[in-house]
Amino acid sequence: MSEVYVGKGGSVDKALQKLKKKMMREGTIREVRDRRFYEKPSTKKYKQKRRALLTAKIEARENRLWQ
């Protein structure tokens, strides 16, 4: 569970921004969105493969640029 501590005189708005950023880093928001609707296992595998290919493509492009 994500927690954000607010000091004395701390702003609620800033605390909410910190909480949102922390949850994004942890992947909590993405997981909630993914679990919102049922997804068939075959569709999950397809999406994972697509995400892996895209990530590999981006990494390859970055490696080419830095060489």
PDB file of N, CA and C in Angstrom:
ATOM      1  N   MET A   1       0.839  -1.174   0.000  1.00  0.00           N
ATOM      2  CA  MET A   1       0.000   0.000   0.000  1.00  0.00           C
ATOM      3  C   MET A   1       0.886   1.239   0.000  1.00  0.00           C
ATOM      4  N   SER A   2       0.543   2.184  -0.827  1.00  0.00           N
ATOM      5  CA  SER A   2       1.318   3.410  -0.943  1.00  0.00           C
ATOM      6  C   SER A   2       0.911   4.386   0.151  1.00  0.00           C
ATOM      7  N   GLU A   3       1.904   4.999   0.731  1.00  0.00           N
ATOM      8  CA  GLU A   3       1.657   5.984   1.781  1.00  0.00           C
ATOM      9  C   GLU A   3       2.481   7.224   1.508  1.00  0.00           C
ATOM     10  N   VAL A   4       1.902   8.363   1.838  1.00  0.00           N
ATOM     11  CA  VAL A   4       2.609   9.629   1.733  1.00  0.00           C
ATOM     12  C   VAL A   4       2.401  10.361   3.049  1.00  0.00           C
ATOM     13  N   TYR A   5       3.487  10.763   3.663  1.00  0.00           N
ATOM     14  CA  TYR A   5       3.400  11.481   4.923  1.00  0.00           C
ATOM     15  C   TYR A   5       3.408  12.977   4.666  1.00  0.00           C
ATOM     16  N   VAL A   6       2.499  13.668   5.336  1.00  0.00           N
ATOM     17  CA  VAL A   6       2.398  15.117   5.202  1.00  0.00           C
ATOM     18  C   VAL A   6       2.827  15.728   6.523  1.00  0.00           C
ATOM     19  N   GLY A   7       3.798  16.604   6.438  1.00  0.00           N
ATOM     20  CA  GLY A   7       4.282  17.254   7.650  1.00  0.00           C
ATOM     21  C   GLY A   7       3.311  18.310   8.139  1.00  0.00           C
ATOM     22  N   LYS A   8       3.632  18.880   9.273  1.00  0.00           N
ATOM     23  CA  LYS A   8       2.785  19.908   9.845  1.00  0.00           C
ATOM     24  C   LYS A   8       2.745  21.107   8.904  1.00  0.00           C
ATOM     25  N   GLY A   9       1.548  21.546   8.569  1.00  0.00           N
ATOM     26  CA  GLY A   9       1.397  22.675   7.668  1.00  0.00           C
ATOM     27  C   GLY A   9       1.579  22.293   6.207  1.00  0.00           C
ATOM     28  N   GLY A  10       1.597  20.995   5.912  1.00  0.00           N
ATOM     29  CA  GLY A  10       1.767  20.521   4.537  1.00  0.00           C
ATOM     30  C   GLY A  10       0.494  20.678   3.729  1.00  0.00           C
ATOM     31  N   SER A  11       0.650  20.872   2.442  1.00  0.00           N
ATOM     32  CA  SER A  11      -0.481  21.074   1.552  1.00  0.00           C
ATOM     33  C   SER A  11      -1.081  19.722   1.130  1.00  0.00           C
ATOM     34  N   VAL A  12      -2.379  19.668   1.122  1.00  0.00           N
ATOM     35  CA  VAL A  12      -3.075  18.454   0.714  1.00  0.00           C
ATOM     36  C   VAL A  12      -2.879  18.227  -0.788  1.00  0.00           C
ATOM     37  N   ASP A  13      -2.886  19.310  -1.562  1.00  0.00           N
ATOM     38  CA  ASP A  13      -2.704  19.187  -3.008  1.00  0.00           C
ATOM     39  C   ASP A  13      -1.352  18.578  -3.345  1.00  0.00           C
ATOM     40  N   LYS A  14      -0.305  19.025  -2.674  1.00  0.00           N
ATOM     41  CA  LYS A  14       1.032  18.483  -2.927  1.00  0.00           C
ATOM     42  C   LYS A  14       1.112  17.024  -2.493  1.00  0.00           C
ATOM     43  N   ALA A  15       0.438  16.688  -1.404  1.00  0.00           N
ATOM     44  CA  ALA A  15       0.432  15.310  -0.934  1.00  0.00           C
ATOM     45  C   ALA A  15      -0.251  14.403  -1.966  1.00  0.00           C
ATOM     46  N   LEU A  16      -1.342  14.876  -2.561  1.00  0.00           N
ATOM     47  CA  LEU A  16      -2.028  14.093  -3.591  1.00  0.00           C
ATOM     48  C   LEU A  16      -1.150  13.924  -4.829  1.00  0.00           C
ATOM     49  N   GLN A  17      -0.414  14.960  -5.209  1.00  0.00           N
ATOM     50  CA  GLN A  17       0.495  14.863  -6.348  1.00  0.00           C
ATOM     51  C   GLN A  17       1.592  13.839  -6.072  1.00  0.00           C
ATOM     52  N   LYS A  18       2.144  13.866  -4.854  1.00  0.00           N
ATOM     53  CA  LYS A  18       3.186  12.897  -4.481  1.00  0.00           C
ATOM     54  C   LYS A  18       2.636  11.476  -4.517  1.00  0.00           C
ATOM     55  N   LEU A  19       1.419  11.290  -3.998  1.00  0.00           N
ATOM     56  CA  LEU A  19       0.801   9.971  -3.977  1.00  0.00           C
ATOM     57  C   LEU A  19       0.579   9.452  -5.400  1.00  0.00           C
ATOM     58  N   LYS A  20       0.083  10.316  -6.273  1.00  0.00           N
ATOM     59  CA  LYS A  20      -0.166   9.919  -7.654  1.00  0.00           C
ATOM     60  C   LYS A  20       1.140   9.511  -8.342  1.00  0.00           C
ATOM     61  N   LYS A  21       2.189  10.294  -8.149  1.00  0.00           N
ATOM     62  CA  LYS A  21       3.478   9.994  -8.770  1.00  0.00           C
ATOM     63  C   LYS A  21       4.037   8.674  -8.240  1.00  0.00           C
ATOM     64  N   LYS A  22       3.890   8.449  -6.939  1.00  0.00           N
ATOM     65  CA  LYS A  22       4.387   7.217  -6.324  1.00  0.00           C
ATOM     66  C   LYS A  22       3.631   6.000  -6.878  1.00  0.00           C
ATOM     67  N   MET A  23       2.318   6.143  -7.017  1.00  0.00           N
ATOM     68  CA  MET A  23       1.512   5.042  -7.533  1.00  0.00           C
ATOM     69  C   MET A  23       1.835   4.760  -8.998  1.00  0.00           C
ATOM     70  N   MET A  24       2.146   5.794  -9.772  1.00  0.00           N
ATOM     71  CA  MET A  24       2.538   5.596 -11.174  1.00  0.00           C
ATOM     72  C   MET A  24       3.843   4.807 -11.239  1.00  0.00           C
ATOM     73  N   ARG A  25       4.813   5.157 -10.388  1.00  0.00           N
ATOM     74  CA  ARG A  25       6.096   4.454 -10.377  1.00  0.00           C
ATOM     75  C   ARG A  25       5.935   2.998  -9.987  1.00  0.00           C
ATOM     76  N   GLU A  26       5.049   2.730  -9.052  1.00  0.00           N
ATOM     77  CA  GLU A  26       4.847   1.363  -8.586  1.00  0.00           C
ATOM     78  C   GLU A  26       4.016   0.531  -9.560  1.00  0.00           C
ATOM     79  N   GLY A  27       3.311   1.175 -10.459  1.00  0.00           N
ATOM     80  CA  GLY A  27       2.498   0.458 -11.424  1.00  0.00           C
ATOM     81  C   GLY A  27       1.098   0.133 -10.928  1.00  0.00           C
ATOM     82  N   THR A  28       0.704   0.739  -9.833  1.00  0.00           N
ATOM     83  CA  THR A  28      -0.603   0.461  -9.254  1.00  0.00           C
ATOM     84  C   THR A  28      -1.724   0.926 -10.172  1.00  0.00           C
ATOM     85  N   ILE A  29      -1.570   2.102 -10.747  1.00  0.00           N
ATOM     86  CA  ILE A  29      -2.616   2.659 -11.598  1.00  0.00           C
ATOM     87  C   ILE A  29      -2.786   1.810 -12.853  1.00  0.00           C
ATOM     88  N   ARG A  30      -1.678   1.384 -13.456  1.00  0.00           N
ATOM     89  CA  ARG A  30      -1.759   0.542 -14.653  1.00  0.00           C
ATOM     90  C   ARG A  30      -2.464  -0.777 -14.328  1.00  0.00           C
ATOM     91  N   GLU A  31      -2.153  -1.354 -13.172  1.00  0.00           N
ATOM     92  CA  GLU A  31      -2.758  -2.622 -12.787  1.00  0.00           C
ATOM     93  C   GLU A  31      -4.266  -2.475 -12.597  1.00  0.00           C
ATOM     94  N   VAL A  32      -4.683  -1.378 -11.995  1.00  0.00           N
ATOM     95  CA  VAL A  32      -6.117  -1.144 -11.790  1.00  0.00           C
ATOM     96  C   VAL A  32      -6.813  -1.015 -13.137  1.00  0.00           C
ATOM     97  N   ARG A  33      -6.190  -0.292 -14.068  1.00  0.00           N
ATOM     98  CA  ARG A  33      -6.790  -0.144 -15.398  1.00  0.00           C
ATOM     99  C   ARG A  33      -6.869  -1.489 -16.111  1.00  0.00           C
ATOM    100  N   ASP A  34      -5.812  -2.305 -15.969  1.00  0.00           N
ATOM    101  CA  ASP A  34      -5.807  -3.609 -16.628  1.00  0.00           C
ATOM    102  C   ASP A  34      -6.857  -4.552 -16.063  1.00  0.00           C
ATOM    103  N   ARG A  35      -7.141  -4.458 -14.799  1.00  0.00           N
ATOM    104  CA  ARG A  35      -8.093  -5.364 -14.153  1.00  0.00           C
ATOM    105  C   ARG A  35      -9.526  -4.858 -14.205  1.00  0.00           C
ATOM    106  N   ARG A  36      -9.725  -3.724 -14.825  1.00  0.00           N
ATOM    107  CA  ARG A  36     -11.050  -3.137 -14.878  1.00  0.00           C
ATOM    108  C   ARG A  36     -12.047  -4.047 -15.592  1.00  0.00           C
ATOM    109  N   PHE A  37     -11.607  -4.678 -16.675  1.00  0.00           N
ATOM    110  CA  PHE A  37     -12.455  -5.585 -17.447  1.00  0.00           C
ATOM    111  C   PHE A  37     -11.732  -6.919 -17.590  1.00  0.00           C
ATOM    112  N   TYR A  38     -12.490  -7.988 -17.772  1.00  0.00           N
ATOM    113  CA  TYR A  38     -11.895  -9.303 -17.958  1.00  0.00           C
ATOM    114  C   TYR A  38     -11.226  -9.359 -19.319  1.00  0.00           C
ATOM    115  N   GLU A  39     -10.042  -9.968 -19.328  1.00  0.00           N
ATOM    116  CA  GLU A  39      -9.301 -10.113 -20.566  1.00  0.00           C
ATOM    117  C   GLU A  39      -8.908 -11.575 -20.730  1.00  0.00           C
ATOM    118  N   LYS A  40      -9.156 -12.126 -21.921  1.00  0.00           N
ATOM    119  CA  LYS A  40      -8.835 -13.528 -22.157  1.00  0.00           C
ATOM    120  C   LYS A  40      -7.328 -13.732 -22.052  1.00  0.00           C
ATOM    121  N   PRO A  41      -6.894 -14.915 -21.606  1.00  0.00           N
ATOM    122  CA  PRO A  41      -5.462 -15.193 -21.503  1.00  0.00           C
ATOM    123  C   PRO A  41      -4.728 -15.040 -22.838  1.00  0.00           C
ATOM    124  N   SER A  42      -5.374 -15.408 -23.950  1.00  0.00           N
ATOM    125  CA  SER A  42      -4.718 -15.275 -25.249  1.00  0.00           C
ATOM    126  C   SER A  42      -4.481 -13.798 -25.585  1.00  0.00           C
ATOM    127  N   THR A  43      -5.409 -12.944 -25.211  1.00  0.00           N
ATOM    128  CA  THR A  43      -5.256 -11.514 -25.457  1.00  0.00           C
ATOM    129  C   THR A  43      -4.135 -10.939 -24.598  1.00  0.00           C
ATOM    130  N   LYS A  44      -4.039 -11.413 -23.356  1.00  0.00           N
ATOM    131  CA  LYS A  44      -2.967 -10.963 -22.468  1.00  0.00           C
ATOM    132  C   LYS A  44      -1.599 -11.303 -23.055  1.00  0.00           C
ATOM    133  N   LYS A  45      -1.464 -12.544 -23.545  1.00  0.00           N
ATOM    134  CA  LYS A  45      -0.194 -12.971 -24.134  1.00  0.00           C
ATOM    135  C   LYS A  45       0.142 -12.118 -25.350  1.00  0.00           C
ATOM    136  N   TYR A  46      -0.859 -11.848 -26.178  1.00  0.00           N
ATOM    137  CA  TYR A  46      -0.648 -11.052 -27.380  1.00  0.00           C
ATOM    138  C   TYR A  46      -0.148  -9.649 -27.007  1.00  0.00           C
ATOM    139  N   LYS A  47      -0.790  -9.048 -26.010  1.00  0.00           N
ATOM    140  CA  LYS A  47      -0.382  -7.706 -25.581  1.00  0.00           C
ATOM    141  C   LYS A  47       1.029  -7.713 -24.999  1.00  0.00           C
ATOM    142  N   GLN A  48       1.373  -8.748 -24.227  1.00  0.00           N
ATOM    143  CA  GLN A  48       2.711  -8.845 -23.656  1.00  0.00           C
ATOM    144  C   GLN A  48       3.764  -8.950 -24.755  1.00  0.00           C
ATOM    145  N   LYS A  49       3.489  -9.757 -25.779  1.00  0.00           N
ATOM    146  CA  LYS A  49       4.427  -9.906 -26.889  1.00  0.00           C
ATOM    147  C   LYS A  49       4.603  -8.585 -27.625  1.00  0.00           C
ATOM    148  N   ARG A  50       3.498  -7.902 -27.887  1.00  0.00           N
ATOM    149  CA  ARG A  50       3.573  -6.609 -28.569  1.00  0.00           C
ATOM    150  C   ARG A  50       4.378  -5.600 -27.763  1.00  0.00           C
ATOM    151  N   ARG A  51       4.143  -5.570 -26.428  1.00  0.00           N
ATOM    152  CA  ARG A  51       4.859  -4.642 -25.556  1.00  0.00           C
ATOM    153  C   ARG A  51       6.353  -4.963 -25.540  1.00  0.00           C
ATOM    154  N   ALA A  52       6.697  -6.261 -25.522  1.00  0.00           N
ATOM    155  CA  ALA A  52       8.100  -6.672 -25.527  1.00  0.00           C
ATOM    156  C   ALA A  52       8.781  -6.287 -26.830  1.00  0.00           C
ATOM    157  N   LEU A  53       8.081  -6.487 -27.958  1.00  0.00           N
ATOM    158  CA  LEU A  53       8.653  -6.112 -29.256  1.00  0.00           C
ATOM    159  C   LEU A  53       8.881  -4.606 -29.338  1.00  0.00           C
ATOM    160  N   LEU A  54       7.925  -3.834 -28.869  1.00  0.00           N
ATOM    161  CA  LEU A  54       8.059  -2.389 -28.894  1.00  0.00           C
ATOM    162  C   LEU A  54       9.218  -1.927 -28.016  1.00  0.00           C
ATOM    163  N   THR A  55       9.335  -2.515 -26.832  1.00  0.00           N
ATOM    164  CA  THR A  55      10.424  -2.165 -25.918  1.00  0.00           C
ATOM    165  C   THR A  55      11.774  -2.503 -26.539  1.00  0.00           C
ATOM    166  N   ALA A  56      11.874  -3.670 -27.161  1.00  0.00           N
ATOM    167  CA  ALA A  56      13.123  -4.071 -27.809  1.00  0.00           C
ATOM    168  C   ALA A  56      13.464  -3.133 -28.956  1.00  0.00           C
ATOM    169  N   LYS A  57      12.460  -2.737 -29.698  1.00  0.00           N
ATOM    170  CA  LYS A  57      12.669  -1.831 -30.826  1.00  0.00           C
ATOM    171  C   LYS A  57      13.187  -0.467 -30.334  1.00  0.00           C
ATOM    172  N   ILE A  58      12.609   0.040 -29.279  1.00  0.00           N
ATOM    173  CA  ILE A  58      13.029   1.326 -28.720  1.00  0.00           C
ATOM    174  C   ILE A  58      14.454   1.234 -28.191  1.00  0.00           C
ATOM    175  N   GLU A  59      14.769   0.151 -27.482  1.00  0.00           N
ATOM    176  CA  GLU A  59      16.124  -0.023 -26.939  1.00  0.00           C
ATOM    177  C   GLU A  59      17.153  -0.126 -28.063  1.00  0.00           C
ATOM    178  N   ALA A  60      16.808  -0.843 -29.132  1.00  0.00           N
ATOM    179  CA  ALA A  60      17.727  -0.972 -30.260  1.00  0.00           C
ATOM    180  C   ALA A  60      17.980   0.386 -30.904  1.00  0.00           C
ATOM    181  N   ARG A  61      16.939   1.183 -31.028  1.00  0.00           N
ATOM    182  CA  ARG A  61      17.078   2.511 -31.613  1.00  0.00           C
ATOM    183  C   ARG A  61      17.963   3.397 -30.731  1.00  0.00           C
ATOM    184  N   GLU A  62      17.769   3.327 -29.423  1.00  0.00           N
ATOM    185  CA  GLU A  62      18.590   4.122 -28.503  1.00  0.00           C
ATOM    186  C   GLU A  62      20.047   3.686 -28.543  1.00  0.00           C
ATOM    187  N   ASN A  63      20.280   2.370 -28.635  1.00  0.00           N
ATOM    188  CA  ASN A  63      21.655   1.867 -28.702  1.00  0.00           C
ATOM    189  C   ASN A  63      22.351   2.349 -29.976  1.00  0.00           C
ATOM    190  N   ARG A  64      21.604   2.384 -31.092  1.00  0.00           N
ATOM    191  CA  ARG A  64      22.183   2.876 -32.349  1.00  0.00           C
ATOM    192  C   ARG A  64      22.555   4.341 -32.253  1.00  0.00           C
ATOM    193  N   LEU A  65      21.720   5.118 -31.572  1.00  0.00           N
ATOM    194  CA  LEU A  65      21.969   6.559 -31.461  1.00  0.00           C
ATOM    195  C   LEU A  65      23.198   6.859 -30.601  1.00  0.00           C
ATOM    196  N   TRP A  66      23.432   6.041 -29.602  1.00  0.00           N
ATOM    197  CA  TRP A  66      24.542   6.306 -28.675  1.00  0.00           C
ATOM    198  C   TRP A  66      25.870   5.742 -29.142  1.00  0.00           C
ATOM    199  N   GLN A  67      25.870   5.014 -30.234  1.00  0.00           N
ATOM    200  CA  GLN A  67      27.135   4.440 -30.710  1.00  0.00           C
ATOM    201  C   GLN A  67      27.781   5.309 -31.735  1.00  0.00           C
TER     202      GLN A  67
END
